[in-house]
Amino acid sequence: MSTPEHVRSDVPAGPPAAGDGTGPVPSPARGPVRAAAARTARRRPVPWRRWLEILLLAGPGTAVFVTFVILPVLMAGYYGFFRWSGYGPPTEFVGLRNYQLILTDTAFLEALWHNAFILVMSLVMQGPVAIGIALLLNRRMRGRSLIRVLIFVPYVLSEVIVAIGFSLMLHTAGAVNDVLDQAGLGALRQDWLADPDVAIWSLMLILVWKYIGFAVILMLAGLQGVPDELREAAAIDGASYWKTQWYITLPLLGPTIRIWAFLSIIGSLQVFDLVYVIWGQYVADTAGTSTMATYMVANGRISGAYGYGSAVAVVIFLISLAVALVYQRYLLRRDTEGALTGGAA
């Protein structure tokens, strides 16, 4: 009697029983995955190796920063509590007396006001001019590369060279007044460096000429990140050139503008070279161009009061640090948050 077709032994009737040697075959993908995971676990660096890498990579830079930034600040803070002439160990402890003298000295308060004036006017005068020049140089035009180089040249020049050149030109018998005489504008002759009502503006023009190239280069770099598609879409929608710049270019240029403003603010609080070379250690006070840095040098190193000068340095550091922290907290926060990685989330 023949076996029915539907119950033939060569046709499997169901899944094989467990334990009979014919159980389910492992997935062919599981083997390589487990092997890769094992190799990854073996390659994962141990904690000491990770710390060794951090030490080798960040150690030299950290050592330089601590030696030339942190340590001098701590030493200045220590010497600021003494009346010290700069020779031998400080022994005459005066506590906060130096800081009281600083905050009550009208010369320092006037210098602080000059720094604040330079800070505000640098932003007002350099920012719009730099953005306008950057927008102009961002367009296709003949000689664009040469103009970029010429605008950046003043920033490369040494502050001492710039100061000597402008001190010769702005002198009473200098080139500026001579050109005014030759042009029949002798009534506009000024004592550009000694008149307190004019000298601070002369300083501002020198600062703008010196640092406008740096601002232009930053703005040009920021403009490279503005997509051309947005400007083209705005033009198709009928937006004029100026509306495109106001509503598209400037908002996207915001992070670059904020970074430049931050650098300009910190630099304005530390102006020294140009003022010291052009006006000297004493003329700056009478001409109305003194800054906190020139005050520190005149009343610290030159006067032989190194303890007092150290206290002034600490005050300048604290003012710059406070301004930097406030600016970063309220203006740079959204820019820096976008750059954080790892555990920031």
C-alpha atoms as a PDB file:
ATOM      1  CA  MET A   1       0.000   0.000   0.000  1.00  0.00           C
ATOM      2  CA  SER A   2       1.618   3.299  -1.102  1.00  0.00           C
ATOM      3  CA  THR A   3       2.047   6.249   1.185  1.00  0.00           C
ATOM      4  CA  PRO A   4      -0.192   9.144   0.382  1.00  0.00           C
ATOM      5  CA  GLU A   5       1.426  12.047  -1.327  1.00  0.00           C
ATOM      6  CA  HIS A   6       0.629  14.520   1.465  1.00  0.00           C
ATOM      7  CA  VAL A   7       2.278  12.374   4.204  1.00  0.00           C
ATOM      8  CA  ARG A   8       5.469  11.424   2.452  1.00  0.00           C
ATOM      9  CA  SER A   9       8.540  11.318   4.712  1.00  0.00           C
ATOM     10  CA  ASP A  10      10.630  13.489   2.389  1.00  0.00           C
ATOM     11  CA  VAL A  11       8.348  16.520   2.909  1.00  0.00           C
ATOM     12  CA  PRO A  12       8.896  18.285   6.284  1.00  0.00           C
ATOM     13  CA  ALA A  13       5.677  18.401   8.238  1.00  0.00           C
ATOM     14  CA  GLY A  14       6.735  21.122  10.722  1.00  0.00           C
ATOM     15  CA  PRO A  15       9.675  22.711  12.498  1.00  0.00           C
ATOM     16  CA  PRO A  16      12.255  20.244  13.696  1.00  0.00           C
ATOM     17  CA  ALA A  17      12.167  19.335  17.347  1.00  0.00           C
ATOM     18  CA  ALA A  18      14.551  20.951  19.698  1.00  0.00           C
ATOM     19  CA  GLY A  19      17.595  18.936  20.737  1.00  0.00           C
ATOM     20  CA  ASP A  20      17.666  16.667  17.711  1.00  0.00           C
ATOM     21  CA  GLY A  21      20.668  18.404  16.122  1.00  0.00           C
ATOM     22  CA  THR A  22      18.597  20.118  13.518  1.00  0.00           C
ATOM     23  CA  GLY A  23      17.584  23.269  15.558  1.00  0.00           C
ATOM     24  CA  PRO A  24      17.352  26.776  14.135  1.00  0.00           C
ATOM     25  CA  VAL A  25      20.502  27.994  12.402  1.00  0.00           C
ATOM     26  CA  PRO A  26      21.914  31.250  13.824  1.00  0.00           C
ATOM     27  CA  SER A  27      21.498  34.302  11.641  1.00  0.00           C
ATOM     28  CA  PRO A  28      24.548  34.731   9.451  1.00  0.00           C
ATOM     29  CA  ALA A  29      24.671  38.456  10.394  1.00  0.00           C
ATOM     30  CA  ARG A  30      25.025  37.872  14.130  1.00  0.00           C
ATOM     31  CA  GLY A  31      28.525  36.460  13.936  1.00  0.00           C
ATOM     32  CA  PRO A  32      30.199  39.421  12.197  1.00  0.00           C
ATOM     33  CA  VAL A  33      28.295  41.909  14.366  1.00  0.00           C
ATOM     34  CA  ARG A  34      29.465  40.254  17.570  1.00  0.00           C
ATOM     35  CA  ALA A  35      33.011  40.084  16.239  1.00  0.00           C
ATOM     36  CA  ALA A  36      32.970  43.791  15.338  1.00  0.00           C
ATOM     37  CA  ALA A  37      31.596  44.680  18.773  1.00  0.00           C
ATOM     38  CA  ALA A  38      34.358  42.645  20.406  1.00  0.00           C
ATOM     39  CA  ARG A  39      37.031  44.389  18.310  1.00  0.00           C
ATOM     40  CA  THR A  40      35.542  47.807  19.204  1.00  0.00           C
ATOM     41  CA  ALA A  41      35.573  46.906  22.904  1.00  0.00           C
ATOM     42  CA  ARG A  42      39.226  45.855  22.619  1.00  0.00           C
ATOM     43  CA  ARG A  43      40.135  49.123  20.804  1.00  0.00           C
ATOM     44  CA  ARG A  44      38.381  51.351  23.369  1.00  0.00           C
ATOM     45  CA  PRO A  45      41.143  53.256  25.178  1.00  0.00           C
ATOM     46  CA  VAL A  46      41.544  52.705  28.850  1.00  0.00           C
ATOM     47  CA  PRO A  47      41.090  55.779  31.121  1.00  0.00           C
ATOM     48  CA  TRP A  48      44.825  56.305  31.759  1.00  0.00           C
ATOM     49  CA  ARG A  49      45.520  56.327  28.048  1.00  0.00           C
ATOM     50  CA  ARG A  50      42.802  58.914  27.473  1.00  0.00           C
ATOM     51  CA  TRP A  51      44.220  61.180  30.174  1.00  0.00           C
ATOM     52  CA  LEU A  52      47.699  60.717  28.750  1.00  0.00           C
ATOM     53  CA  GLU A  53      46.485  61.894  25.330  1.00  0.00           C
ATOM     54  CA  ILE A  54      44.805  64.932  26.902  1.00  0.00           C
ATOM     55  CA  LEU A  55      47.997  65.752  28.798  1.00  0.00           C
ATOM     56  CA  LEU A  56      50.189  65.494  25.712  1.00  0.00           C
ATOM     57  CA  LEU A  57      47.870  67.538  23.502  1.00  0.00           C
ATOM     58  CA  ALA A  58      46.681  70.212  25.942  1.00  0.00           C
ATOM     59  CA  GLY A  59      49.608  70.242  28.348  1.00  0.00           C
ATOM     60  CA  PRO A  60      51.994  72.563  26.429  1.00  0.00           C
ATOM     61  CA  GLY A  61      49.308  75.159  25.694  1.00  0.00           C
ATOM     62  CA  THR A  62      48.017  75.018  29.253  1.00  0.00           C
ATOM     63  CA  ALA A  63      51.536  75.477  30.634  1.00  0.00           C
ATOM     64  CA  VAL A  64      52.128  78.541  28.447  1.00  0.00           C
ATOM     65  CA  PHE A  65      48.743  80.017  29.409  1.00  0.00           C
ATOM     66  CA  VAL A  66      49.330  79.491  33.117  1.00  0.00           C
ATOM     67  CA  THR A  67      52.896  80.847  32.960  1.00  0.00           C
ATOM     68  CA  PHE A  68      52.221  83.996  30.951  1.00  0.00           C
ATOM     69  CA  VAL A  69      48.588  84.795  31.883  1.00  0.00           C
ATOM     70  CA  ILE A  70      47.396  83.252  35.135  1.00  0.00           C
ATOM     71  CA  LEU A  71      50.658  83.527  37.080  1.00  0.00           C
ATOM     72  CA  PRO A  72      51.268  87.241  36.217  1.00  0.00           C
ATOM     73  CA  VAL A  73      47.688  88.067  37.223  1.00  0.00           C
ATOM     74  CA  LEU A  74      48.136  86.310  40.572  1.00  0.00           C
ATOM     75  CA  MET A  75      51.479  88.030  41.131  1.00  0.00           C
ATOM     76  CA  ALA A  76      49.977  91.439  40.286  1.00  0.00           C
ATOM     77  CA  GLY A  77      47.151  90.758  42.714  1.00  0.00           C
ATOM     78  CA  TYR A  78      49.688  89.903  45.416  1.00  0.00           C
ATOM     79  CA  TYR A  79      51.902  92.948  44.829  1.00  0.00           C
ATOM     80  CA  GLY A  80      48.842  95.184  44.706  1.00  0.00           C
ATOM     81  CA  PHE A  81      48.460  94.816  48.479  1.00  0.00           C
ATOM     82  CA  PHE A  82      51.903  96.324  49.140  1.00  0.00           C
ATOM     83  CA  ARG A  83      53.696  99.625  48.737  1.00  0.00           C
ATOM     84  CA  TRP A  84      56.574  98.260  46.679  1.00  0.00           C
ATOM     85  CA  SER A  85      59.335  99.985  44.736  1.00  0.00           C
ATOM     86  CA  GLY A  86      60.131  96.960  42.590  1.00  0.00           C
ATOM     87  CA  TYR A  87      63.344  95.920  44.362  1.00  0.00           C
ATOM     88  CA  GLY A  88      63.497  93.093  46.838  1.00  0.00           C
ATOM     89  CA  PRO A  89      60.511  91.336  48.375  1.00  0.00           C
ATOM     90  CA  PRO A  90      57.509  93.513  49.238  1.00  0.00           C
ATOM     91  CA  THR A  91      57.296  94.152  52.961  1.00  0.00           C
ATOM     92  CA  GLU A  92      55.072  97.214  53.506  1.00  0.00           C
ATOM     93  CA  PHE A  93      51.570  95.787  53.491  1.00  0.00           C
ATOM     94  CA  VAL A  94      48.854  98.397  52.796  1.00  0.00           C
ATOM     95  CA  GLY A  95      45.842  96.166  52.182  1.00  0.00           C
ATOM     96  CA  LEU A  96      43.232  97.777  49.951  1.00  0.00           C
ATOM     97  CA  ARG A  97      44.800 101.221  50.186  1.00  0.00           C
ATOM     98  CA  ASN A  98      46.101 101.099  46.596  1.00  0.00           C
ATOM     99  CA  TYR A  99      42.674 100.195  45.257  1.00  0.00           C
ATOM    100  CA  GLN A 100      41.037 103.006  47.230  1.00  0.00           C
ATOM    101  CA  LEU A 101      43.482 105.477  45.722  1.00  0.00           C
ATOM    102  CA  ILE A 102      42.765 104.180  42.225  1.00  0.00           C
ATOM    103  CA  LEU A 103      39.001 104.481  42.491  1.00  0.00           C
ATOM    104  CA  THR A 104      39.202 107.976  44.002  1.00  0.00           C
ATOM    105  CA  ASP A 105      41.872 109.375  41.668  1.00  0.00           C
ATOM    106  CA  THR A 106      40.297 111.753  39.153  1.00  0.00           C
ATOM    107  CA  ALA A 107      43.100 111.008  36.672  1.00  0.00           C
ATOM    108  CA  PHE A 108      42.187 107.315  36.609  1.00  0.00           C
ATOM    109  CA  LEU A 109      38.472 108.063  36.335  1.00  0.00           C
ATOM    110  CA  GLU A 110      39.214 110.389  33.419  1.00  0.00           C
ATOM    111  CA  ALA A 111      41.302 107.690  31.768  1.00  0.00           C
ATOM    112  CA  LEU A 112      38.444 105.215  32.303  1.00  0.00           C
ATOM    113  CA  TRP A 113      36.079 107.663  30.619  1.00  0.00           C
ATOM    114  CA  HIS A 114      38.458 107.953  27.649  1.00  0.00           C
ATOM    115  CA  ASN A 115      38.485 104.169  27.285  1.00  0.00           C
ATOM    116  CA  ALA A 116      34.684 104.112  27.376  1.00  0.00           C
ATOM    117  CA  PHE A 117      34.561 106.840  24.722  1.00  0.00           C
ATOM    118  CA  ILE A 118      36.995 104.922  22.515  1.00  0.00           C
ATOM    119  CA  LEU A 119      34.942 101.744  22.998  1.00  0.00           C
ATOM    120  CA  VAL A 120      31.647 103.307  21.914  1.00  0.00           C
ATOM    121  CA  MET A 121      33.073 105.349  19.063  1.00  0.00           C
ATOM    122  CA  SER A 122      35.038 102.378  17.720  1.00  0.00           C
ATOM    123  CA  LEU A 123      31.821 100.416  17.372  1.00  0.00           C
ATOM    124  CA  VAL A 124      29.921 103.348  15.897  1.00  0.00           C
ATOM    125  CA  MET A 125      32.608 104.469  13.446  1.00  0.00           C
ATOM    126  CA  GLN A 126      34.206 101.192  12.390  1.00  0.00           C
ATOM    127  CA  GLY A 127      31.185  98.892  12.221  1.00  0.00           C
ATOM    128  CA  PRO A 128      29.056 100.573   9.525  1.00  0.00           C
ATOM    129  CA  VAL A 129      32.109 101.523   7.453  1.00  0.00           C
ATOM    130  CA  ALA A 130      33.521  97.993   7.600  1.00  0.00           C
ATOM    131  CA  ILE A 131      30.186  96.436   6.625  1.00  0.00           C
ATOM    132  CA  GLY A 132      29.763  98.865   3.719  1.00  0.00           C
ATOM    133  CA  ILE A 133      33.265  98.220   2.393  1.00  0.00           C
ATOM    134  CA  ALA A 134      32.811  94.457   2.801  1.00  0.00           C
ATOM    135  CA  LEU A 135      29.533  94.530   0.855  1.00  0.00           C
ATOM    136  CA  LEU A 136      31.263  96.516  -1.885  1.00  0.00           C
ATOM    137  CA  LEU A 137      34.261  94.202  -2.082  1.00  0.00           C
ATOM    138  CA  ASN A 138      32.032  91.129  -2.027  1.00  0.00           C
ATOM    139  CA  ARG A 139      30.731  92.052  -5.478  1.00  0.00           C
ATOM    140  CA  ARG A 140      32.537  91.336  -8.718  1.00  0.00           C
ATOM    141  CA  MET A 141      34.677  94.322  -9.640  1.00  0.00           C
ATOM    142  CA  ARG A 142      38.006  95.038 -11.233  1.00  0.00           C
ATOM    143  CA  GLY A 143      40.937  95.297  -8.836  1.00  0.00           C
ATOM    144  CA  ARG A 144      39.014  93.777  -5.937  1.00  0.00           C
ATOM    145  CA  SER A 145      41.970  91.722  -4.681  1.00  0.00           C
ATOM    146  CA  LEU A 146      44.286  94.744  -4.741  1.00  0.00           C
ATOM    147  CA  ILE A 147      41.791  96.833  -2.781  1.00  0.00           C
ATOM    148  CA  ARG A 148      41.458  94.097  -0.165  1.00  0.00           C
ATOM    149  CA  VAL A 149      45.216  94.004   0.311  1.00  0.00           C
ATOM    150  CA  LEU A 150      45.513  97.796   0.563  1.00  0.00           C
ATOM    151  CA  ILE A 151      42.737  97.982   3.158  1.00  0.00           C
ATOM    152  CA  PHE A 152      44.386  95.289   5.281  1.00  0.00           C
ATOM    153  CA  VAL A 153      47.898  96.821   5.132  1.00  0.00           C
ATOM    154  CA  PRO A 154      47.365  99.342   8.008  1.00  0.00           C
ATOM    155  CA  TYR A 155      46.407  96.523  10.369  1.00  0.00           C
ATOM    156  CA  VAL A 156      49.672  94.721   9.620  1.00  0.00           C
ATOM    157  CA  LEU A 157      51.790  97.800  10.336  1.00  0.00           C
ATOM    158  CA  SER A 158      53.291  98.155  13.782  1.00  0.00           C
ATOM    159  CA  GLU A 159      51.543 100.515  16.193  1.00  0.00           C
ATOM    160  CA  VAL A 160      54.835 102.338  16.754  1.00  0.00           C
ATOM    161  CA  ILE A 161      55.284 103.016  13.028  1.00  0.00           C
ATOM    162  CA  VAL A 162      51.709 104.253  12.706  1.00  0.00           C
ATOM    163  CA  ALA A 163      52.071 106.451  15.789  1.00  0.00           C
ATOM    164  CA  ILE A 164      55.300 108.073  14.594  1.00  0.00           C
ATOM    165  CA  GLY A 165      53.870 108.698  11.140  1.00  0.00           C
ATOM    166  CA  PHE A 166      50.690 110.333  12.384  1.00  0.00           C
ATOM    167  CA  SER A 167      52.534 112.350  15.038  1.00  0.00           C
ATOM    168  CA  LEU A 168      54.626 113.905  12.278  1.00  0.00           C
ATOM    169  CA  MET A 169      51.643 114.568  10.017  1.00  0.00           C
ATOM    170  CA  LEU A 170      49.396 115.970  12.751  1.00  0.00           C
ATOM    171  CA  HIS A 171      52.011 118.203  14.291  1.00  0.00           C
ATOM    172  CA  THR A 172      51.300 121.936  14.216  1.00  0.00           C
ATOM    173  CA  ALA A 173      53.890 122.323  11.458  1.00  0.00           C
ATOM    174  CA  GLY A 174      53.047 118.933   9.947  1.00  0.00           C
ATOM    175  CA  ALA A 175      51.679 117.820   6.608  1.00  0.00           C
ATOM    176  CA  VAL A 176      47.973 118.108   7.477  1.00  0.00           C
ATOM    177  CA  ASN A 177      48.093 121.796   8.336  1.00  0.00           C
ATOM    178  CA  ASP A 178      50.400 122.460   5.389  1.00  0.00           C
ATOM    179  CA  VAL A 179      47.920 120.844   2.991  1.00  0.00           C
ATOM    180  CA  LEU A 180      45.135 122.977   4.463  1.00  0.00           C
ATOM    181  CA  ASP A 181      47.226 126.105   3.896  1.00  0.00           C
ATOM    182  CA  GLN A 182      48.002 125.121   0.326  1.00  0.00           C
ATOM    183  CA  ALA A 183      44.309 124.476  -0.346  1.00  0.00           C
ATOM    184  CA  GLY A 184      43.312 127.878   0.991  1.00  0.00           C
ATOM    185  CA  LEU A 185      41.714 126.372   4.097  1.00  0.00           C
ATOM    186  CA  GLY A 186      44.099 127.846   6.633  1.00  0.00           C
ATOM    187  CA  ALA A 187      41.163 128.687   8.890  1.00  0.00           C
ATOM    188  CA  LEU A 188      40.804 124.952   9.563  1.00  0.00           C
ATOM    189  CA  ARG A 189      44.310 124.618  11.009  1.00  0.00           C
ATOM    190  CA  GLN A 190      44.234 122.899  14.359  1.00  0.00           C
ATOM    191  CA  ASP A 191      46.581 121.795  17.062  1.00  0.00           C
ATOM    192  CA  TRP A 192      45.549 118.232  16.340  1.00  0.00           C
ATOM    193  CA  LEU A 193      47.547 116.610  19.142  1.00  0.00           C
ATOM    194  CA  ALA A 194      47.510 119.107  22.025  1.00  0.00           C
ATOM    195  CA  ASP A 195      44.019 120.597  21.961  1.00  0.00           C
ATOM    196  CA  PRO A 196      41.865 118.525  24.377  1.00  0.00           C
ATOM    197  CA  ASP A 197      38.773 119.158  22.253  1.00  0.00           C
ATOM    198  CA  VAL A 198      40.447 117.802  19.114  1.00  0.00           C
ATOM    199  CA  ALA A 199      43.065 115.311  20.285  1.00  0.00           C
ATOM    200  CA  ILE A 200      40.612 112.561  21.253  1.00  0.00           C
ATOM    201  CA  TRP A 201      39.028 112.740  17.792  1.00  0.00           C
ATOM    202  CA  SER A 202      42.473 112.601  16.205  1.00  0.00           C
ATOM    203  CA  LEU A 203      43.089 109.439  18.210  1.00  0.00           C
ATOM    204  CA  MET A 204      39.780 107.977  17.016  1.00  0.00           C
ATOM    205  CA  LEU A 205      40.609 108.640  13.357  1.00  0.00           C
ATOM    206  CA  ILE A 206      43.985 106.965  13.811  1.00  0.00           C
ATOM    207  CA  LEU A 207      42.377 103.938  15.464  1.00  0.00           C
ATOM    208  CA  VAL A 208      39.767 103.637  12.723  1.00  0.00           C
ATOM    209  CA  TRP A 209      42.425 103.864  10.004  1.00  0.00           C
ATOM    210  CA  LYS A 210      44.573 101.288  11.798  1.00  0.00           C
ATOM    211  CA  TYR A 211      41.960  98.633  12.563  1.00  0.00           C
ATOM    212  CA  ILE A 212      39.311  99.039   9.857  1.00  0.00           C
ATOM    213  CA  GLY A 213      41.115  96.460   7.695  1.00  0.00           C
ATOM    214  CA  PHE A 214      40.703  93.751  10.325  1.00  0.00           C
ATOM    215  CA  ALA A 215      36.983  94.474  10.580  1.00  0.00           C
ATOM    216  CA  VAL A 216      36.583  94.384   6.788  1.00  0.00           C
ATOM    217  CA  ILE A 217      38.349  91.016   6.513  1.00  0.00           C
ATOM    218  CA  LEU A 218      36.100  89.558   9.220  1.00  0.00           C
ATOM    219  CA  MET A 219      32.970  90.856   7.497  1.00  0.00           C
ATOM    220  CA  LEU A 220      34.130  89.469   4.149  1.00  0.00           C
ATOM    221  CA  ALA A 221      34.694  86.081   5.769  1.00  0.00           C
ATOM    222  CA  GLY A 222      31.183  86.217   7.237  1.00  0.00           C
ATOM    223  CA  LEU A 223      29.672  87.142   3.876  1.00  0.00           C
ATOM    224  CA  GLN A 224      31.063  83.941   2.366  1.00  0.00           C
ATOM    225  CA  GLY A 225      28.626  82.024   4.563  1.00  0.00           C
ATOM    226  CA  VAL A 226      25.548  83.819   3.209  1.00  0.00           C
ATOM    227  CA  PRO A 227      23.965  81.523   0.564  1.00  0.00           C
ATOM    228  CA  ASP A 228      23.552  83.118  -2.858  1.00  0.00           C
ATOM    229  CA  GLU A 229      20.248  81.260  -3.236  1.00  0.00           C
ATOM    230  CA  LEU A 230      18.618  83.455  -0.607  1.00  0.00           C
ATOM    231  CA  ARG A 231      19.627  86.660  -2.354  1.00  0.00           C
ATOM    232  CA  GLU A 232      18.503  85.276  -5.699  1.00  0.00           C
ATOM    233  CA  ALA A 233      15.141  84.235  -4.243  1.00  0.00           C
ATOM    234  CA  ALA A 234      14.680  87.707  -2.750  1.00  0.00           C
ATOM    235  CA  ALA A 235      15.487  89.304  -6.104  1.00  0.00           C
ATOM    236  CA  ILE A 236      12.954  87.074  -7.819  1.00  0.00           C
ATOM    237  CA  ASP A 237      10.337  88.138  -5.265  1.00  0.00           C
ATOM    238  CA  GLY A 238      11.022  91.760  -6.178  1.00  0.00           C
ATOM    239  CA  ALA A 239      13.159  92.813  -3.192  1.00  0.00           C
ATOM    240  CA  SER A 240      15.530  95.671  -3.873  1.00  0.00           C
ATOM    241  CA  TYR A 241      19.277  95.434  -3.238  1.00  0.00           C
ATOM    242  CA  TRP A 242      19.103  97.378   0.022  1.00  0.00           C
ATOM    243  CA  LYS A 243      16.143  95.391   1.355  1.00  0.00           C
ATOM    244  CA  THR A 244      18.008  92.190   0.557  1.00  0.00           C
ATOM    245  CA  GLN A 245      21.009  93.365   2.530  1.00  0.00           C
ATOM    246  CA  TRP A 246      18.888  94.581   5.458  1.00  0.00           C
ATOM    247  CA  TYR A 247      16.576  91.576   5.823  1.00  0.00           C
ATOM    248  CA  ILE A 248      18.845  88.735   4.641  1.00  0.00           C
ATOM    249  CA  THR A 249      22.536  89.600   4.625  1.00  0.00           C
ATOM    250  CA  LEU A 250      22.806  91.518   7.892  1.00  0.00           C
ATOM    251  CA  PRO A 251      20.848  88.994  10.016  1.00  0.00           C
ATOM    252  CA  LEU A 252      23.002  86.143   8.692  1.00  0.00           C
ATOM    253  CA  LEU A 253      26.089  88.285   9.278  1.00  0.00           C
ATOM    254  CA  GLY A 254      25.068  88.758  12.917  1.00  0.00           C
ATOM    255  CA  PRO A 255      27.464  86.181  14.481  1.00  0.00           C
ATOM    256  CA  THR A 256      30.432  87.728  12.673  1.00  0.00           C
ATOM    257  CA  ILE A 257      29.407  91.237  13.752  1.00  0.00           C
ATOM    258  CA  ARG A 258      29.097  90.123  17.367  1.00  0.00           C
ATOM    259  CA  ILE A 259      32.527  88.464  17.327  1.00  0.00           C
ATOM    260  CA  TRP A 260      34.110  91.581  15.812  1.00  0.00           C
ATOM    261  CA  ALA A 261      32.365  93.802  18.369  1.00  0.00           C
ATOM    262  CA  PHE A 262      33.672  91.620  21.192  1.00  0.00           C
ATOM    263  CA  LEU A 263      37.257  91.877  19.933  1.00  0.00           C
ATOM    264  CA  SER A 264      36.872  95.632  19.404  1.00  0.00           C
ATOM    265  CA  ILE A 265      35.531  96.139  22.940  1.00  0.00           C
ATOM    266  CA  ILE A 266      38.398  94.224  24.563  1.00  0.00           C
ATOM    267  CA  GLY A 267      40.951  96.076  22.427  1.00  0.00           C
ATOM    268  CA  SER A 268      39.407  99.442  23.303  1.00  0.00           C
ATOM    269  CA  LEU A 269      39.843  98.752  27.000  1.00  0.00           C
ATOM    270  CA  GLN A 270      43.552  98.060  26.491  1.00  0.00           C
ATOM    271  CA  VAL A 271      44.642 100.865  24.136  1.00  0.00           C
ATOM    272  CA  PHE A 272      48.211 101.826  24.943  1.00  0.00           C
ATOM    273  CA  ASP A 273      50.807 101.834  22.139  1.00  0.00           C
ATOM    274  CA  LEU A 274      49.415 104.590  19.930  1.00  0.00           C
ATOM    275  CA  VAL A 275      48.671 106.926  22.826  1.00  0.00           C
ATOM    276  CA  TYR A 276      52.006 106.351  24.537  1.00  0.00           C
ATOM    277  CA  VAL A 277      54.111 106.939  21.403  1.00  0.00           C
ATOM    278  CA  ILE A 278      52.168 109.955  20.062  1.00  0.00           C
ATOM    279  CA  TRP A 279      51.451 111.827  23.300  1.00  0.00           C
ATOM    280  CA  GLY A 280      54.069 110.454  25.637  1.00  0.00           C
ATOM    281  CA  GLN A 281      53.746 109.653  29.319  1.00  0.00           C
ATOM    282  CA  TYR A 282      52.608 113.081  30.498  1.00  0.00           C
ATOM    283  CA  VAL A 283      51.128 114.902  27.493  1.00  0.00           C
ATOM    284  CA  ALA A 284      48.334 112.333  27.225  1.00  0.00           C
ATOM    285  CA  ASP A 285      46.819 113.630  30.466  1.00  0.00           C
ATOM    286  CA  THR A 286      46.801 117.282  29.424  1.00  0.00           C
ATOM    287  CA  ALA A 287      45.675 116.467  25.865  1.00  0.00           C
ATOM    288  CA  GLY A 288      42.722 114.399  27.089  1.00  0.00           C
ATOM    289  CA  THR A 289      43.821 111.121  25.491  1.00  0.00           C
ATOM    290  CA  SER A 290      45.047 109.153  28.515  1.00  0.00           C
ATOM    291  CA  THR A 291      43.856 105.585  28.930  1.00  0.00           C
ATOM    292  CA  MET A 292      43.895 103.125  31.802  1.00  0.00           C
ATOM    293  CA  ALA A 293      47.021 101.473  30.380  1.00  0.00           C
ATOM    294  CA  THR A 294      48.956 104.747  30.062  1.00  0.00           C
ATOM    295  CA  TYR A 295      47.836 105.675  33.584  1.00  0.00           C
ATOM    296  CA  MET A 296      49.177 102.348  34.849  1.00  0.00           C
ATOM    297  CA  VAL A 297      52.591 102.891  33.228  1.00  0.00           C
ATOM    298  CA  ALA A 298      52.887 106.550  34.281  1.00  0.00           C
ATOM    299  CA  ASN A 299      51.854 105.940  37.899  1.00  0.00           C
ATOM    300  CA  GLY A 300      53.428 102.525  38.248  1.00  0.00           C
ATOM    301  CA  ARG A 301      56.667 101.822  36.417  1.00  0.00           C
ATOM    302  CA  ILE A 302      57.734 105.403  35.676  1.00  0.00           C
ATOM    303  CA  SER A 303      56.894 106.615  39.187  1.00  0.00           C
ATOM    304  CA  GLY A 304      58.591 103.620  40.772  1.00  0.00           C
ATOM    305  CA  ALA A 305      55.390 102.588  42.562  1.00  0.00           C
ATOM    306  CA  TYR A 306      55.210  99.011  41.327  1.00  0.00           C
ATOM    307  CA  GLY A 307      52.719  97.967  43.962  1.00  0.00           C
ATOM    308  CA  TYR A 308      50.330 100.696  42.897  1.00  0.00           C
ATOM    309  CA  GLY A 309      50.882  99.848  39.234  1.00  0.00           C
ATOM    310  CA  SER A 310      50.125  96.201  39.958  1.00  0.00           C
ATOM    311  CA  ALA A 311      46.871  97.224  41.595  1.00  0.00           C
ATOM    312  CA  VAL A 312      45.970  99.281  38.508  1.00  0.00           C
ATOM    313  CA  ALA A 313      46.716  96.242  36.325  1.00  0.00           C
ATOM    314  CA  VAL A 314      44.364  94.143  38.454  1.00  0.00           C
ATOM    315  CA  VAL A 315      41.618  96.753  38.121  1.00  0.00           C
ATOM    316  CA  ILE A 316      42.024  96.820  34.330  1.00  0.00           C
ATOM    317  CA  PHE A 317      41.911  93.018  34.271  1.00  0.00           C
ATOM    318  CA  LEU A 318      38.750  92.886  36.375  1.00  0.00           C
ATOM    319  CA  ILE A 319      37.009  95.522  34.236  1.00  0.00           C
ATOM    320  CA  SER A 320      37.914  93.658  31.028  1.00  0.00           C
ATOM    321  CA  LEU A 321      36.843  90.324  32.540  1.00  0.00           C
ATOM    322  CA  ALA A 322      33.499  91.717  33.711  1.00  0.00           C
ATOM    323  CA  VAL A 323      32.769  93.256  30.314  1.00  0.00           C
ATOM    324  CA  ALA A 324      33.756  90.020  28.558  1.00  0.00           C
ATOM    325  CA  LEU A 325      31.566  87.851  30.792  1.00  0.00           C
ATOM    326  CA  VAL A 326      28.536  90.123  30.466  1.00  0.00           C
ATOM    327  CA  TYR A 327      28.959  90.330  26.687  1.00  0.00           C
ATOM    328  CA  GLN A 328      29.318  86.571  26.362  1.00  0.00           C
ATOM    329  CA  ARG A 329      26.355  85.951  28.658  1.00  0.00           C
ATOM    330  CA  TYR A 330      23.888  88.176  26.846  1.00  0.00           C
ATOM    331  CA  LEU A 331      25.185  88.523  23.263  1.00  0.00           C
ATOM    332  CA  LEU A 332      27.478  85.620  22.423  1.00  0.00           C
ATOM    333  CA  ARG A 333      25.556  82.899  24.225  1.00  0.00           C
ATOM    334  CA  ARG A 334      23.431  81.778  21.291  1.00  0.00           C
ATOM    335  CA  ASP A 335      26.490  81.755  19.019  1.00  0.00           C
ATOM    336  CA  THR A 336      28.634  79.697  21.399  1.00  0.00           C
ATOM    337  CA  GLU A 337      25.836  77.252  22.226  1.00  0.00           C
ATOM    338  CA  GLY A 338      25.652  76.263  18.574  1.00  0.00           C
ATOM    339  CA  ALA A 339      29.347  75.363  18.641  1.00  0.00           C
ATOM    340  CA  LEU A 340      29.198  73.125  21.718  1.00  0.00           C
ATOM    341  CA  THR A 341      29.348  69.359  21.258  1.00  0.00           C
ATOM    342  CA  GLY A 342      29.364  66.276  23.392  1.00  0.00           C
ATOM    343  CA  GLY A 343      27.831  66.595  26.811  1.00  0.00           C
ATOM    344  CA  ALA A 344      26.454  70.098  26.190  1.00  0.00           C
ATOM    345  CA  ALA A 345      23.123  68.652  25.142  1.00  0.00           C
END
